[in-house]
Structure formats: C-alpha cells, structure tokens
C-alpha atoms as a PDB file:
ATOM      1  CA  MET A   1     -28.830  -8.126  -5.415  1.00  0.00           C
ATOM      2  CA  THR A   2     -25.466  -8.935  -4.262  1.00  0.00           C
ATOM      3  CA  GLU A   3     -24.497  -8.162  -0.851  1.00  0.00           C
ATOM      4  CA  MET A   4     -21.511  -6.149  -0.510  1.00  0.00           C
ATOM      5  CA  LEU A   5     -18.698  -6.931   1.172  1.00  0.00           C
ATOM      6  CA  GLU A   6     -17.228  -5.737   4.004  1.00  0.00           C
ATOM      7  CA  LEU A   7     -13.762  -5.808   6.039  1.00  0.00           C
ATOM      8  CA  ASP A   8     -12.722  -3.919   9.523  1.00  0.00           C
ATOM      9  CA  GLY A   9     -15.820  -2.132   9.041  1.00  0.00           C
ATOM     10  CA  LEU A  10     -15.271  -0.799   5.758  1.00  0.00           C
ATOM     11  CA  PRO A  11     -16.933  -1.389   2.446  1.00  0.00           C
ATOM     12  CA  LEU A  12     -14.685  -3.580  -0.456  1.00  0.00           C
ATOM     13  CA  ASP A  13     -14.811  -2.207  -3.803  1.00  0.00           C
ATOM     14  CA  GLN A  14     -15.613  -4.429  -7.075  1.00  0.00           C
ATOM     15  CA  ARG A  15     -11.835  -4.703  -7.542  1.00  0.00           C
ATOM     16  CA  GLN A  16     -11.117  -5.119  -3.601  1.00  0.00           C
ATOM     17  CA  ALA A  17     -13.965  -7.634  -3.251  1.00  0.00           C
ATOM     18  CA  LEU A  18     -12.527  -9.706  -6.279  1.00  0.00           C
ATOM     19  CA  ALA A  19      -9.186  -9.874  -4.839  1.00  0.00           C
ATOM     20  CA  TYR A  20     -10.001 -10.485  -1.136  1.00  0.00           C
ATOM     21  CA  GLU A  21     -12.923 -13.333  -2.845  1.00  0.00           C
ATOM     22  CA  GLN A  22      -9.540 -14.846  -4.374  1.00  0.00           C
ATOM     23  CA  TRP A  23      -7.514 -14.688  -1.100  1.00  0.00           C
ATOM     24  CA  GLN A  24      -9.841 -16.227   1.011  1.00  0.00           C
ATOM     25  CA  GLU A  25     -10.578 -19.224  -1.521  1.00  0.00           C
ATOM     26  CA  LEU A  26      -6.860 -19.744  -0.981  1.00  0.00           C
ATOM     27  CA  SER A  27      -7.107 -19.666   2.664  1.00  0.00           C
ATOM     28  CA  SER A  28      -7.702 -22.918   4.113  1.00  0.00           C
ATOM     29  CA  ALA A  29      -8.391 -23.760   7.965  1.00  0.00           C
ATOM     30  CA  GLY A  30      -7.560 -19.897   9.018  1.00  0.00           C
ATOM     31  CA  LEU A  31      -4.003 -20.250   7.279  1.00  0.00           C
ATOM     32  CA  THR A  32      -2.270 -17.492   5.391  1.00  0.00           C
ATOM     33  CA  PRO A  33      -2.523 -18.105   1.563  1.00  0.00           C
ATOM     34  CA  LEU A  34       0.833 -19.239  -0.148  1.00  0.00           C
ATOM     35  CA  GLN A  35       2.131 -17.077  -2.372  1.00  0.00           C
ATOM     36  CA  ARG A  36       2.891 -20.064  -5.165  1.00  0.00           C
ATOM     37  CA  GLU A  37      -0.945 -20.557  -5.098  1.00  0.00           C
ATOM     38  CA  PHE A  38      -1.774 -16.935  -6.000  1.00  0.00           C
ATOM     39  CA  ARG A  39      -2.659 -16.548  -9.432  1.00  0.00           C
ATOM     40  CA  PRO A  40      -2.668 -12.800 -10.781  1.00  0.00           C
ATOM     41  CA  ASP A  41      -4.666 -13.993 -13.841  1.00  0.00           C
ATOM     42  CA  ARG A  42      -7.298 -14.541 -11.745  1.00  0.00           C
ATOM     43  CA  ILE A  43      -7.672 -11.023 -10.558  1.00  0.00           C
ATOM     44  CA  VAL A  44      -7.071  -9.250 -13.813  1.00  0.00           C
ATOM     45  CA  ARG A  45      -9.494  -6.288 -12.941  1.00  0.00           C
ATOM     46  CA  ALA A  46      -8.080  -5.710  -9.646  1.00  0.00           C
ATOM     47  CA  LEU A  47      -4.449  -5.551 -10.910  1.00  0.00           C
ATOM     48  CA  PRO A  48      -4.551  -1.963 -12.518  1.00  0.00           C
ATOM     49  CA  ALA A  49      -5.437  -0.684  -8.446  1.00  0.00           C
ATOM     50  CA  SER A  50      -2.925  -3.368  -7.090  1.00  0.00           C
ATOM     51  CA  MET A  51       0.615  -2.978  -5.724  1.00  0.00           C
ATOM     52  CA  LEU A  52       2.953  -5.866  -4.538  1.00  0.00           C
ATOM     53  CA  LEU A  53       5.410  -5.773  -1.749  1.00  0.00           C
ATOM     54  CA  HIS A  54       7.873  -8.026  -0.881  1.00  0.00           C
ATOM     55  CA  VAL A  55       8.808  -8.430   3.154  1.00  0.00           C
ATOM     56  CA  GLU A  56      12.374  -8.200   3.719  1.00  0.00           C
ATOM     57  CA  ARG A  57      13.277  -9.457   7.463  1.00  0.00           C
ATOM     58  CA  GLY A  58      16.751  -9.161   8.954  1.00  0.00           C
ATOM     59  CA  ASP A  59      18.332  -7.760  11.383  1.00  0.00           C
ATOM     60  CA  PHE A  60      16.605  -3.773  10.602  1.00  0.00           C
ATOM     61  CA  GLY A  61      13.491  -5.638  11.512  1.00  0.00           C
ATOM     62  CA  VAL A  62      10.936  -5.809   8.831  1.00  0.00           C
ATOM     63  CA  ARG A  63      11.010  -3.900   5.402  1.00  0.00           C
ATOM     64  CA  PHE A  64       8.512  -3.649   2.467  1.00  0.00           C
ATOM     65  CA  ARG A  65       9.944  -3.286  -1.109  1.00  0.00           C
ATOM     66  CA  GLN A  66       7.538  -2.871  -3.882  1.00  0.00           C
ATOM     67  CA  ARG A  67       7.686  -5.280  -6.336  1.00  0.00           C
ATOM     68  CA  LEU A  68       4.725  -4.426  -9.060  1.00  0.00           C
ATOM     69  CA  GLU A  69       2.477  -1.485  -9.015  1.00  0.00           C
ATOM     70  CA  GLY A  70      -0.737  -1.079 -11.333  1.00  0.00           C
ATOM     71  CA  ARG A  71      -1.647   2.020 -13.219  1.00  0.00           C
ATOM     72  CA  PHE A  72      -3.694   3.648 -11.001  1.00  0.00           C
ATOM     73  CA  VAL A  73      -1.287   3.520  -8.163  1.00  0.00           C
ATOM     74  CA  THR A  74       1.502   5.209 -10.488  1.00  0.00           C
ATOM     75  CA  LEU A  75      -0.942   7.823 -11.142  1.00  0.00           C
ATOM     76  CA  ALA A  76      -1.686   8.659  -7.639  1.00  0.00           C
ATOM     77  CA  PHE A  77       1.623   7.949  -5.695  1.00  0.00           C
ATOM     78  CA  GLY A  78       4.506   7.981  -8.740  1.00  0.00           C
ATOM     79  CA  GLU A  79       6.616   5.204  -9.559  1.00  0.00           C
ATOM     80  CA  GLY A  80       8.203   3.253  -7.006  1.00  0.00           C
ATOM     81  CA  LEU A  81       9.120   0.159  -8.301  1.00  0.00           C
ATOM     82  CA  GLY A  82      12.272  -1.497  -6.548  1.00  0.00           C
ATOM     83  CA  ARG A  83      12.252   0.901  -3.420  1.00  0.00           C
ATOM     84  CA  THR A  84      11.406   0.088   0.213  1.00  0.00           C
ATOM     85  CA  ILE A  85       8.345   2.182   1.147  1.00  0.00           C
ATOM     86  CA  GLU A  86      10.006   3.792   4.264  1.00  0.00           C
ATOM     87  CA  ASN A  87      12.821   5.616   1.647  1.00  0.00           C
ATOM     88  CA  LEU A  88       9.992   6.094  -0.698  1.00  0.00           C
ATOM     89  CA  TYR A  89       7.435   7.530   1.076  1.00  0.00           C
ATOM     90  CA  ILE A  90       7.484  10.759   3.637  1.00  0.00           C
ATOM     91  CA  ASP A  91       6.763  10.167   7.288  1.00  0.00           C
ATOM     92  CA  ASP A  92       3.426  11.405   7.704  1.00  0.00           C
ATOM     93  CA  TYR A  93       2.089   9.069   5.204  1.00  0.00           C
ATOM     94  CA  LEU A  94       4.486   6.099   6.797  1.00  0.00           C
ATOM     95  CA  TYR A  95       2.935   6.892  10.005  1.00  0.00           C
ATOM     96  CA  ASP A  96      -0.430   6.223   8.460  1.00  0.00           C
ATOM     97  CA  LEU A  97       0.371   2.900   6.483  1.00  0.00           C
ATOM     98  CA  MET A  98       3.003   1.013   8.807  1.00  0.00           C
ATOM     99  CA  PRO A  99       1.474  -0.418  11.282  1.00  0.00           C
ATOM    100  CA  ARG A 100      -1.486  -2.115   9.166  1.00  0.00           C
ATOM    101  CA  TYR A 101       1.313  -3.327   6.792  1.00  0.00           C
ATOM    102  CA  LEU A 102       3.304  -4.483   9.647  1.00  0.00           C
ATOM    103  CA  GLU A 103       0.393  -5.939  11.586  1.00  0.00           C
ATOM    104  CA  ALA A 104      -0.789  -7.759   8.259  1.00  0.00           C
ATOM    105  CA  ALA A 105       3.023  -9.576   7.917  1.00  0.00           C
ATOM    106  CA  MET A 106       3.368 -10.521  11.147  1.00  0.00           C
ATOM    107  CA  THR A 107      -0.207 -12.394  12.238  1.00  0.00           C
ATOM    108  CA  GLY A 108      -1.384 -13.138   8.634  1.00  0.00           C
ATOM    109  CA  ASP A 109      -4.590 -11.647   8.645  1.00  0.00           C
ATOM    110  CA  PRO A 110      -5.936  -9.161   5.717  1.00  0.00           C
ATOM    111  CA  ALA A 111      -6.531  -5.336   6.909  1.00  0.00           C
ATOM    112  CA  MET A 112      -8.749  -2.679   5.458  1.00  0.00           C
ATOM    113  CA  THR A 113      -8.103   0.999   5.922  1.00  0.00           C
ATOM    114  CA  ARG A 114      -9.230   4.082   4.814  1.00  0.00           C
ATOM    115  CA  CYS A 115      -6.555   6.813   3.879  1.00  0.00           C
ATOM    116  CA  LYS A 116      -6.600  10.560   3.510  1.00  0.00           C
ATOM    117  CA  VAL A 117      -3.860  12.829   1.869  1.00  0.00           C
ATOM    118  CA  VAL A 118      -4.065  16.232   2.324  1.00  0.00           C
ATOM    119  CA  GLN A 119      -2.523  18.668  -0.726  1.00  0.00           C
ATOM    120  CA  GLU A 120      -1.093  22.082  -0.146  1.00  0.00           C
ATOM    121  CA  LYS A 121      -3.632  24.565  -1.791  1.00  0.00           C
ATOM    122  CA  ALA A 122      -5.722  21.242  -2.807  1.00  0.00           C
ATOM    123  CA  GLU A 123      -8.886  19.013  -1.708  1.00  0.00           C
ATOM    124  CA  SER A 124      -8.020  16.308  -0.033  1.00  0.00           C
ATOM    125  CA  PHE A 125      -7.880  12.969  -1.681  1.00  0.00           C
ATOM    126  CA  GLU A 126      -9.219  10.099   0.345  1.00  0.00           C
ATOM    127  CA  PHE A 127      -8.730   6.264  -0.978  1.00  0.00           C
ATOM    128  CA  THR A 128      -9.074   2.853   1.020  1.00  0.00           C
ATOM    129  CA  ARG A 129      -6.793   0.328   1.052  1.00  0.00           C
ATOM    130  CA  LEU A 130      -7.153  -3.801   1.056  1.00  0.00           C
ATOM    131  CA  ILE A 131      -4.022  -5.667   2.361  1.00  0.00           C
ATOM    132  CA  LEU A 132      -3.981  -9.205   1.711  1.00  0.00           C
ATOM    133  CA  PRO A 133      -0.590 -11.388   3.115  1.00  0.00           C
ATOM    134  CA  PHE A 134       0.642 -14.240   1.364  1.00  0.00           C
ATOM    135  CA  ALA A 135       2.963 -16.553   3.304  1.00  0.00           C
ATOM    136  CA  GLY A 136       6.281 -18.254   1.487  1.00  0.00           C
ATOM    137  CA  THR A 137       7.265 -21.984   2.361  1.00  0.00           C
ATOM    138  CA  ASP A 138       8.260 -21.364   5.762  1.00  0.00           C
ATOM    139  CA  GLY A 139       4.878 -19.943   6.662  1.00  0.00           C
ATOM    140  CA  LYS A 140       5.871 -16.130   7.466  1.00  0.00           C
ATOM    141  CA  VAL A 141       4.270 -13.972   5.186  1.00  0.00           C
ATOM    142  CA  SER A 142       6.506 -12.595   2.525  1.00  0.00           C
ATOM    143  CA  ARG A 143       4.260 -10.766   0.273  1.00  0.00           C
ATOM    144  CA  LEU A 144       1.681  -8.206   0.851  1.00  0.00           C
ATOM    145  CA  LEU A 145      -0.725  -7.659  -2.330  1.00  0.00           C
ATOM    146  CA  VAL A 146      -2.437  -4.119  -1.474  1.00  0.00           C
ATOM    147  CA  VAL A 147      -5.349  -3.247  -3.834  1.00  0.00           C
ATOM    148  CA  PHE A 148      -6.542   0.537  -3.669  1.00  0.00           C
ATOM    149  CA  HIS A 149      -9.734   2.201  -4.279  1.00  0.00           C
ATOM    150  CA  PHE A 150      -9.102   5.763  -5.558  1.00  0.00           C
ATOM    151  CA  ASP A 151     -12.181   7.736  -6.622  1.00  0.00           C
ATOM    152  CA  PRO A 152     -11.745   7.833 -10.522  1.00  0.00           C
ATOM    153  CA  VAL A 153     -13.142  11.861 -10.721  1.00  0.00           C
ATOM    154  CA  ALA A 154     -10.401  12.236  -8.006  1.00  0.00           C
ATOM    155  CA  LEU A 155      -7.908  10.124  -9.590  1.00  0.00           C
ATOM    156  CA  ALA A 156      -8.590  11.961 -12.838  1.00  0.00           C
ATOM    157  CA  ARG A 157      -8.515  15.013 -11.562  1.00  0.00           C
ATOM    158  CA  LEU A 158      -4.579  14.978  -9.888  1.00  0.00           C
ATOM    159  CA  SER A 159      -2.488  16.899 -12.259  1.00  0.00           C
ATOM    160  CA  ALA A 160       0.543  14.933 -10.480  1.00  0.00           C
ATOM    161  CA  PRO A 161       1.114  11.757  -8.388  1.00  0.00           C
ATOM    162  CA  LEU A 162       0.502  13.072  -4.423  1.00  0.00           C
ATOM    163  CA  LYS A 163       3.254  14.976  -2.610  1.00  0.00           C
ATOM    164  CA  ILE A 164       3.942  11.876  -0.492  1.00  0.00           C
ATOM    165  CA  ARG A 165       7.264  10.633  -1.496  1.00  0.00           C
ATOM    166  CA  ARG A 166      10.440  11.878  -0.371  1.00  0.00           C
ATOM    167  CA  ASP A 167      12.002  12.952  -3.543  1.00  0.00           C
ATOM    168  CA  ALA A 168       8.752  15.186  -4.679  1.00  0.00           C
ATOM    169  CA  VAL A 169       8.997  16.683  -1.321  1.00  0.00           C
ATOM    170  CA  GLN A 170      12.869  17.564  -1.115  1.00  0.00           C
ATOM    171  CA  ASP A 171      12.389  18.769  -5.035  1.00  0.00           C
ATOM    172  CA  MET A 172      10.076  21.206  -3.567  1.00  0.00           C
ATOM    173  CA  THR A 173      12.168  22.098  -0.438  1.00  0.00           C
ATOM    174  CA  ARG A 174      15.163  22.566  -3.027  1.00  0.00           C
ATOM    175  CA  LYS A 175      13.166  24.772  -5.042  1.00  0.00           C
ATOM    176  CA  GLY A 176      11.982  27.051  -1.913  1.00  0.00           C
ATOM    177  CA  PHE A 177       8.031  25.750  -1.713  1.00  0.00           C
ATOM    178  CA  GLY A 178       6.672  24.046   1.233  1.00  0.00           C
ATOM    179  CA  ARG A 179       7.878  23.254   4.888  1.00  0.00           C
ATOM    180  CA  ASN A 180      11.656  21.936   4.929  1.00  0.00           C
ATOM    181  CA  THR A 181      10.832  18.168   5.593  1.00  0.00           C
ATOM    182  CA  ALA A 182      14.432  17.233   4.992  1.00  0.00           C
ATOM    183  CA  PRO A 183      15.253  17.104   8.966  1.00  0.00           C
ATOM    184  CA  LEU A 184      12.241  14.229   8.979  1.00  0.00           C
ATOM    185  CA  ALA A 185      13.356  12.559   6.240  1.00  0.00           C
ATOM    186  CA  HIS A 186      16.474  12.173   7.632  1.00  0.00           C
ATOM    187  CA  GLU A 187      15.005  10.774  10.851  1.00  0.00           C
ATOM    188  CA  LEU A 188      13.259   8.405   9.647  1.00  0.00           C
ATOM    189  CA  ASP A 189      16.230   6.969   7.300  1.00  0.00           C
ATOM    190  CA  ASN A 190      17.932   6.179  10.529  1.00  0.00           C
ATOM    191  CA  ARG A 191      14.778   5.012  12.092  1.00  0.00           C
ATOM    192  CA  LYS A 192      14.087   0.693  12.289  1.00  0.00           C
ATOM    193  CA  PHE A 193      10.388  -0.250  11.778  1.00  0.00           C
ATOM    194  CA  GLY A 194       9.538  -3.912  13.504  1.00  0.00           C
END
C-alpha cells in the first residue's frame, strides 16, 4: 500500500500528490524550483484540476493573474483567464486565499489549504488547494501552480460555477437577488495587497 502524502496536515489527493512529487524532484537544496524546469507533460493527470497564476510585482505590491485553468477549475469557478484574482473574486473568497498565495509568493514554500464556499440555498462546497511556487531566473517566485481537489460528486452537482466571482454576484445584485456586494467590490478594487 502506498503512503498517503500530506502537507500542512492535510492529505493530498492523487493529482495533488503527482504535482507535489514533481515539485519536490525539481527543488534542490531547499530552493524553489525554477519555472523553466517545470514540465506540464509530467503531471498531465493533474492538469484538469490545476490553475497557473503569474506573480506580478510592482508599486502596487503583488498581484496574481490567471494564465491557465483546467476544466474542473472552470466548472467550479467559471472562466477567469487573463484576469487578476483580486478583480475576479469576491472579498470573502479573497480573504481566504490571499494570505497563503502571498506567503507562497514571498517565501517560495508550498502550501496546502482546505476551503469551503457556502452558497445560498445550497450545501457548502468544500475542496483543498495545493499551492506550488516556481521561481524565475532572478530567484523570485514568478508562478504559482495551484492544484485543487474537488469531490467529483459535488462538482457534478453544480448547476453553475460557484458564486464567488464579482461579475456573477454583481449580476445577481442588478437583478435584485441576494445582498448588495457592490460597495465591497469597490472597496477591494481600491485596496492594495502586498
């Protein structure tokens, strides 16, 4: 029987374990693996549950831009290619994910988190998120590979992506459904992370 891999006290599913083992192989002497050494063809089974974030640094602090997303990620969250996560997701979801993304981007250490999204009039949707940093030639983290584990039955039961995107919540607000989150969205747009 194979030993179950864990990170931060949470078990990794098969896709996450595949990506994490590849990340560990590329990590030498405790250094963050270089993004140029990463080969997606070595983790093909993990790609449907994965998202690649580009780490942008500047006067604004640190931002994360979605570059690639697998089909399971799109089913759960909707399509977000090319957008920054702070412009894409609502505050409650950002407050959950940003600290660990920032930590991985600043330290180069991998992280594992358990997440729960509560939907109105529906069961909560739970998943785990493995965050794997990759460095550029300057040694700074320039990419985060995020590999999710979604319960397949819960994912199949979703009639639409989770309501954690600003545009989805604003559409509901315009149509008169749910609470008004527009002021929160405006407040977050003016806030700098990092």
